[in-house]
Amino acid sequence: MAIYHADRAVAEYVEQLEAENERLKADVEFLLPRCGVANKVNFQEENRDTGSSSNSIVAIAYDMKIKQKLPYDQYDLDACHRMWEKLPAHRKTQSAIDALTKAEQALNKGE
């Protein structure tokens, strides 16, 4: 009986490690393409998903304690939405959702 419980505990631990591995892979797949363009000026507004406002939401999603930068215009907000579509699901926490909502509301209010 003790061996069964030990085997079950090991199996559960392996499942947890595999799930964490998948989350880490998703993080790398999301962050790696961003790191090369995150601090560059991009005048191709149609497809960008980086910028100070979207990057601040990403930082919040990754539990960094920063002051959120709000979108300056609709292009910035659109970049936030494109980023959100790519953000790994496990990073769409309540604080990240709140940050996206704040960005949407700020632009709608003209802040």
N, C-alpha and C. Protein backbone atom coordinates (compact mmCIF):
# COMPACT_ATOMS: atom_id res chain seq x y z
N MET A 1 0.82 -1.19 0.00
CA MET A 1 0.00 0.00 0.00
C MET A 1 0.87 1.26 0.00
N ALA A 2 1.94 1.24 0.77
CA ALA A 2 2.83 2.40 0.84
C ALA A 2 3.49 2.65 -0.50
N ILE A 3 3.84 1.59 -1.21
CA ILE A 3 4.46 1.74 -2.53
C ILE A 3 3.47 2.39 -3.49
N TYR A 4 2.21 1.99 -3.44
CA TYR A 4 1.18 2.59 -4.30
C TYR A 4 1.10 4.09 -4.08
N HIS A 5 1.07 4.50 -2.80
CA HIS A 5 0.98 5.93 -2.49
C HIS A 5 2.23 6.68 -2.95
N ALA A 6 3.38 6.05 -2.80
CA ALA A 6 4.63 6.68 -3.25
C ALA A 6 4.63 6.81 -4.78
N ASP A 7 4.20 5.77 -5.48
CA ASP A 7 4.13 5.82 -6.93
C ASP A 7 3.15 6.90 -7.39
N ARG A 8 2.03 7.00 -6.71
CA ARG A 8 1.02 8.01 -7.05
C ARG A 8 1.57 9.42 -6.82
N ALA A 9 2.28 9.60 -5.71
CA ALA A 9 2.87 10.91 -5.40
C ALA A 9 3.91 11.29 -6.46
N VAL A 10 4.72 10.35 -6.87
CA VAL A 10 5.73 10.62 -7.91
C VAL A 10 5.04 10.95 -9.23
N ALA A 11 4.00 10.22 -9.57
CA ALA A 11 3.27 10.48 -10.81
C ALA A 11 2.64 11.88 -10.80
N GLU A 12 2.08 12.28 -9.68
CA GLU A 12 1.49 13.61 -9.56
C GLU A 12 2.56 14.69 -9.67
N TYR A 13 3.72 14.44 -9.07
CA TYR A 13 4.82 15.40 -9.14
C TYR A 13 5.31 15.55 -10.58
N VAL A 14 5.41 14.45 -11.29
CA VAL A 14 5.84 14.48 -12.70
C VAL A 14 4.82 15.26 -13.52
N GLU A 15 3.54 15.06 -13.28
CA GLU A 15 2.50 15.82 -13.98
C GLU A 15 2.64 17.32 -13.72
N GLN A 16 2.92 17.68 -12.48
CA GLN A 16 3.10 19.10 -12.15
C GLN A 16 4.31 19.68 -12.88
N LEU A 17 5.40 18.91 -12.93
CA LEU A 17 6.59 19.38 -13.63
C LEU A 17 6.33 19.54 -15.12
N GLU A 18 5.59 18.61 -15.70
CA GLU A 18 5.28 18.71 -17.13
C GLU A 18 4.39 19.92 -17.41
N ALA A 19 3.44 20.19 -16.54
CA ALA A 19 2.59 21.37 -16.71
C ALA A 19 3.40 22.65 -16.59
N GLU A 20 4.30 22.69 -15.63
CA GLU A 20 5.17 23.87 -15.47
C GLU A 20 6.08 24.02 -16.69
N ASN A 21 6.56 22.94 -17.22
CA ASN A 21 7.39 22.97 -18.41
C ASN A 21 6.62 23.57 -19.59
N GLU A 22 5.37 23.21 -19.74
CA GLU A 22 4.54 23.76 -20.81
C GLU A 22 4.31 25.26 -20.62
N ARG A 23 4.09 25.68 -19.39
CA ARG A 23 3.92 27.11 -19.11
C ARG A 23 5.19 27.88 -19.45
N LEU A 24 6.34 27.32 -19.07
CA LEU A 24 7.61 27.98 -19.36
C LEU A 24 7.87 28.05 -20.87
N LYS A 25 7.54 27.00 -21.58
CA LYS A 25 7.69 27.02 -23.05
C LYS A 25 6.81 28.11 -23.66
N ALA A 26 5.59 28.23 -23.18
CA ALA A 26 4.68 29.26 -23.68
C ALA A 26 5.24 30.65 -23.39
N ASP A 27 5.82 30.84 -22.20
CA ASP A 27 6.43 32.12 -21.86
C ASP A 27 7.57 32.46 -22.82
N VAL A 28 8.44 31.50 -23.07
CA VAL A 28 9.58 31.73 -23.97
C VAL A 28 9.09 32.03 -25.38
N GLU A 29 8.13 31.27 -25.86
CA GLU A 29 7.60 31.49 -27.21
C GLU A 29 6.96 32.87 -27.34
N PHE A 30 6.39 33.38 -26.27
CA PHE A 30 5.79 34.71 -26.29
C PHE A 30 6.85 35.81 -26.16
N LEU A 31 7.78 35.65 -25.22
CA LEU A 31 8.73 36.71 -24.92
C LEU A 31 9.89 36.82 -25.91
N LEU A 32 10.33 35.71 -26.45
CA LEU A 32 11.50 35.74 -27.33
C LEU A 32 11.33 36.66 -28.54
N PRO A 33 10.23 36.59 -29.28
CA PRO A 33 10.08 37.51 -30.41
C PRO A 33 9.96 38.97 -29.97
N ARG A 34 9.45 39.21 -28.79
CA ARG A 34 9.26 40.59 -28.30
C ARG A 34 10.58 41.24 -27.93
N CYS A 35 11.55 40.45 -27.46
CA CYS A 35 12.77 41.05 -26.92
C CYS A 35 13.57 41.78 -27.99
N GLY A 36 13.47 41.40 -29.24
CA GLY A 36 14.22 42.06 -30.28
C GLY A 36 13.61 43.36 -30.77
N VAL A 37 12.34 43.58 -30.48
CA VAL A 37 11.66 44.77 -31.00
C VAL A 37 11.04 45.64 -29.92
N ALA A 38 11.09 45.23 -28.70
CA ALA A 38 10.36 45.91 -27.63
C ALA A 38 10.78 47.36 -27.43
N ASN A 39 12.03 47.68 -27.62
CA ASN A 39 12.50 49.05 -27.37
C ASN A 39 12.80 49.81 -28.65
N LYS A 40 12.29 49.35 -29.77
CA LYS A 40 12.50 50.02 -31.03
C LYS A 40 11.25 50.76 -31.46
N VAL A 41 11.47 51.85 -32.16
CA VAL A 41 10.34 52.61 -32.70
C VAL A 41 9.83 51.85 -33.92
N ASN A 42 8.52 51.68 -33.99
CA ASN A 42 7.92 50.95 -35.10
C ASN A 42 6.87 51.84 -35.74
N PHE A 43 7.11 52.19 -36.99
CA PHE A 43 6.16 53.06 -37.69
C PHE A 43 5.14 52.26 -38.49
N GLN A 44 5.24 50.95 -38.47
CA GLN A 44 4.24 50.09 -39.11
C GLN A 44 3.18 49.78 -38.07
N GLU A 45 2.28 50.70 -37.90
CA GLU A 45 1.31 50.63 -36.81
C GLU A 45 0.33 49.47 -36.93
N GLU A 46 0.11 48.99 -38.13
CA GLU A 46 -0.96 48.01 -38.35
C GLU A 46 -0.75 46.69 -37.63
N ASN A 47 0.49 46.23 -37.52
CA ASN A 47 0.70 44.88 -36.99
C ASN A 47 1.49 44.81 -35.70
N ARG A 48 1.89 45.93 -35.17
CA ARG A 48 2.75 45.86 -34.00
C ARG A 48 1.97 45.42 -32.75
N ASP A 49 2.69 44.73 -31.88
CA ASP A 49 2.11 44.31 -30.61
C ASP A 49 3.01 44.73 -29.45
N THR A 50 3.96 45.61 -29.76
CA THR A 50 4.84 46.14 -28.72
C THR A 50 4.67 47.65 -28.64
N GLY A 51 5.12 48.19 -27.57
CA GLY A 51 5.04 49.62 -27.30
C GLY A 51 5.04 49.80 -25.80
N SER A 52 5.18 51.03 -25.36
CA SER A 52 5.30 51.24 -23.92
C SER A 52 4.06 50.77 -23.16
N SER A 53 2.87 50.99 -23.73
CA SER A 53 1.66 50.58 -23.01
C SER A 53 1.48 49.07 -23.01
N SER A 54 1.70 48.42 -24.16
CA SER A 54 1.55 46.96 -24.18
C SER A 54 2.66 46.29 -23.38
N ASN A 55 3.87 46.86 -23.44
CA ASN A 55 4.96 46.30 -22.65
C ASN A 55 4.70 46.42 -21.16
N SER A 56 4.04 47.49 -20.74
CA SER A 56 3.74 47.62 -19.31
C SER A 56 2.70 46.58 -18.88
N ILE A 57 1.77 46.26 -19.75
CA ILE A 57 0.80 45.20 -19.43
C ILE A 57 1.51 43.86 -19.32
N VAL A 58 2.46 43.63 -20.23
CA VAL A 58 3.25 42.39 -20.17
C VAL A 58 4.00 42.32 -18.84
N ALA A 59 4.62 43.41 -18.45
CA ALA A 59 5.35 43.43 -17.17
C ALA A 59 4.42 43.11 -16.01
N ILE A 60 3.24 43.67 -16.03
CA ILE A 60 2.26 43.39 -14.97
C ILE A 60 1.85 41.91 -15.02
N ALA A 61 1.66 41.38 -16.22
CA ALA A 61 1.29 39.97 -16.36
C ALA A 61 2.37 39.05 -15.81
N TYR A 62 3.62 39.51 -15.85
CA TYR A 62 4.73 38.73 -15.33
C TYR A 62 5.11 39.15 -13.91
N ASP A 63 4.16 39.75 -13.21
CA ASP A 63 4.27 40.07 -11.78
C ASP A 63 5.35 41.09 -11.44
N MET A 64 5.69 41.95 -12.38
CA MET A 64 6.61 43.03 -12.08
C MET A 64 5.82 44.20 -11.50
N LYS A 65 6.35 44.81 -10.50
CA LYS A 65 5.70 45.94 -9.85
C LYS A 65 6.16 47.22 -10.54
N ILE A 66 5.35 47.70 -11.47
CA ILE A 66 5.70 48.90 -12.22
C ILE A 66 4.50 49.83 -12.26
N LYS A 67 4.76 51.06 -12.65
CA LYS A 67 3.67 51.99 -12.90
C LYS A 67 3.23 51.79 -14.35
N GLN A 68 1.98 51.49 -14.54
CA GLN A 68 1.47 51.21 -15.87
C GLN A 68 1.53 52.44 -16.77
N LYS A 69 1.98 52.23 -17.99
CA LYS A 69 1.96 53.28 -19.00
C LYS A 69 0.71 53.09 -19.84
N LEU A 70 -0.07 54.13 -19.97
CA LEU A 70 -1.34 54.03 -20.68
C LEU A 70 -1.16 54.37 -22.16
N PRO A 71 -2.02 53.84 -23.00
CA PRO A 71 -1.89 54.10 -24.44
C PRO A 71 -2.09 55.57 -24.77
N TYR A 72 -1.33 56.01 -25.77
CA TYR A 72 -1.39 57.40 -26.20
C TYR A 72 -2.49 57.61 -27.24
N ASP A 73 -2.72 56.58 -28.04
CA ASP A 73 -3.71 56.70 -29.11
C ASP A 73 -4.27 55.31 -29.44
N GLN A 74 -5.13 55.26 -30.43
CA GLN A 74 -5.77 53.99 -30.79
C GLN A 74 -4.75 52.96 -31.28
N TYR A 75 -3.67 53.42 -31.94
CA TYR A 75 -2.64 52.48 -32.39
C TYR A 75 -1.99 51.78 -31.21
N ASP A 76 -1.74 52.53 -30.15
CA ASP A 76 -1.17 51.93 -28.94
C ASP A 76 -2.14 50.92 -28.33
N LEU A 77 -3.40 51.28 -28.26
CA LEU A 77 -4.38 50.36 -27.70
C LEU A 77 -4.52 49.11 -28.57
N ASP A 78 -4.48 49.29 -29.88
CA ASP A 78 -4.54 48.15 -30.80
C ASP A 78 -3.35 47.21 -30.56
N ALA A 79 -2.18 47.79 -30.31
CA ALA A 79 -1.00 46.97 -30.00
C ALA A 79 -1.22 46.17 -28.71
N CYS A 80 -1.89 46.80 -27.74
CA CYS A 80 -2.21 46.09 -26.50
C CYS A 80 -3.12 44.90 -26.78
N HIS A 81 -4.09 45.09 -27.63
CA HIS A 81 -5.01 43.99 -27.96
C HIS A 81 -4.30 42.88 -28.73
N ARG A 82 -3.41 43.25 -29.66
CA ARG A 82 -2.66 42.21 -30.39
C ARG A 82 -1.74 41.45 -29.44
N MET A 83 -1.11 42.17 -28.50
CA MET A 83 -0.29 41.51 -27.51
C MET A 83 -1.13 40.55 -26.69
N TRP A 84 -2.33 40.98 -26.29
CA TRP A 84 -3.20 40.17 -25.45
C TRP A 84 -3.56 38.85 -26.14
N GLU A 85 -3.77 38.91 -27.45
CA GLU A 85 -4.09 37.68 -28.19
C GLU A 85 -2.95 36.67 -28.13
N LYS A 86 -1.71 37.16 -28.01
CA LYS A 86 -0.54 36.28 -27.99
C LYS A 86 -0.10 35.90 -26.58
N LEU A 87 -0.54 36.67 -25.58
CA LEU A 87 -0.13 36.42 -24.20
C LEU A 87 -0.56 35.02 -23.77
N PRO A 88 0.36 34.23 -23.19
CA PRO A 88 -0.03 32.89 -22.73
C PRO A 88 -1.20 32.96 -21.74
N ALA A 89 -2.08 32.00 -21.84
CA ALA A 89 -3.29 31.98 -21.03
C ALA A 89 -3.00 32.04 -19.54
N HIS A 90 -1.94 31.37 -19.09
CA HIS A 90 -1.65 31.37 -17.66
C HIS A 90 -1.16 32.72 -17.17
N ARG A 91 -0.86 33.65 -18.07
CA ARG A 91 -0.45 35.00 -17.69
C ARG A 91 -1.61 35.99 -17.70
N LYS A 92 -2.77 35.54 -18.13
CA LYS A 92 -3.95 36.41 -18.15
C LYS A 92 -4.63 36.38 -16.78
N THR A 93 -3.87 36.88 -15.82
CA THR A 93 -4.31 36.92 -14.43
C THR A 93 -5.23 38.12 -14.22
N GLN A 94 -5.79 38.21 -13.05
CA GLN A 94 -6.68 39.33 -12.76
C GLN A 94 -5.95 40.66 -12.86
N SER A 95 -4.71 40.71 -12.41
CA SER A 95 -3.96 41.97 -12.49
C SER A 95 -3.69 42.35 -13.94
N ALA A 96 -3.44 41.37 -14.80
CA ALA A 96 -3.23 41.66 -16.22
C ALA A 96 -4.53 42.10 -16.88
N ILE A 97 -5.62 41.44 -16.53
CA ILE A 97 -6.93 41.82 -17.06
C ILE A 97 -7.26 43.24 -16.62
N ASP A 98 -7.00 43.56 -15.36
CA ASP A 98 -7.25 44.91 -14.86
C ASP A 98 -6.41 45.94 -15.61
N ALA A 99 -5.16 45.60 -15.92
CA ALA A 99 -4.28 46.52 -16.64
C ALA A 99 -4.80 46.79 -18.05
N LEU A 100 -5.26 45.74 -18.74
CA LEU A 100 -5.81 45.92 -20.08
C LEU A 100 -7.08 46.77 -20.00
N THR A 101 -7.92 46.50 -19.04
CA THR A 101 -9.15 47.27 -18.86
C THR A 101 -8.84 48.74 -18.59
N LYS A 102 -7.85 48.98 -17.75
CA LYS A 102 -7.44 50.35 -17.44
C LYS A 102 -6.96 51.06 -18.70
N ALA A 103 -6.20 50.35 -19.54
CA ALA A 103 -5.72 50.94 -20.80
C ALA A 103 -6.88 51.29 -21.71
N GLU A 104 -7.85 50.40 -21.80
CA GLU A 104 -9.03 50.66 -22.64
C GLU A 104 -9.82 51.85 -22.12
N GLN A 105 -10.01 51.90 -20.84
CA GLN A 105 -10.79 52.98 -20.24
C GLN A 105 -10.06 54.32 -20.36
N ALA A 106 -8.77 54.31 -20.21
CA ALA A 106 -7.99 55.55 -20.30
C ALA A 106 -8.09 56.16 -21.67
N LEU A 107 -8.00 55.36 -22.69
CA LEU A 107 -8.07 55.89 -24.03
C LEU A 107 -9.48 56.37 -24.34
N ASN A 108 -10.46 55.65 -23.86
CA ASN A 108 -11.85 56.06 -24.08
C ASN A 108 -12.16 57.38 -23.37
N LYS A 109 -11.50 57.62 -22.24
CA LYS A 109 -11.72 58.87 -21.50
C LYS A 109 -10.84 60.00 -22.03
N GLY A 110 -9.89 59.64 -22.88
CA GLY A 110 -8.98 60.64 -23.42
C GLY A 110 -7.87 61.02 -22.46
N GLU A 111 -7.56 60.11 -21.54
CA GLU A 111 -6.48 60.39 -20.57
C GLU A 111 -5.12 60.31 -21.23
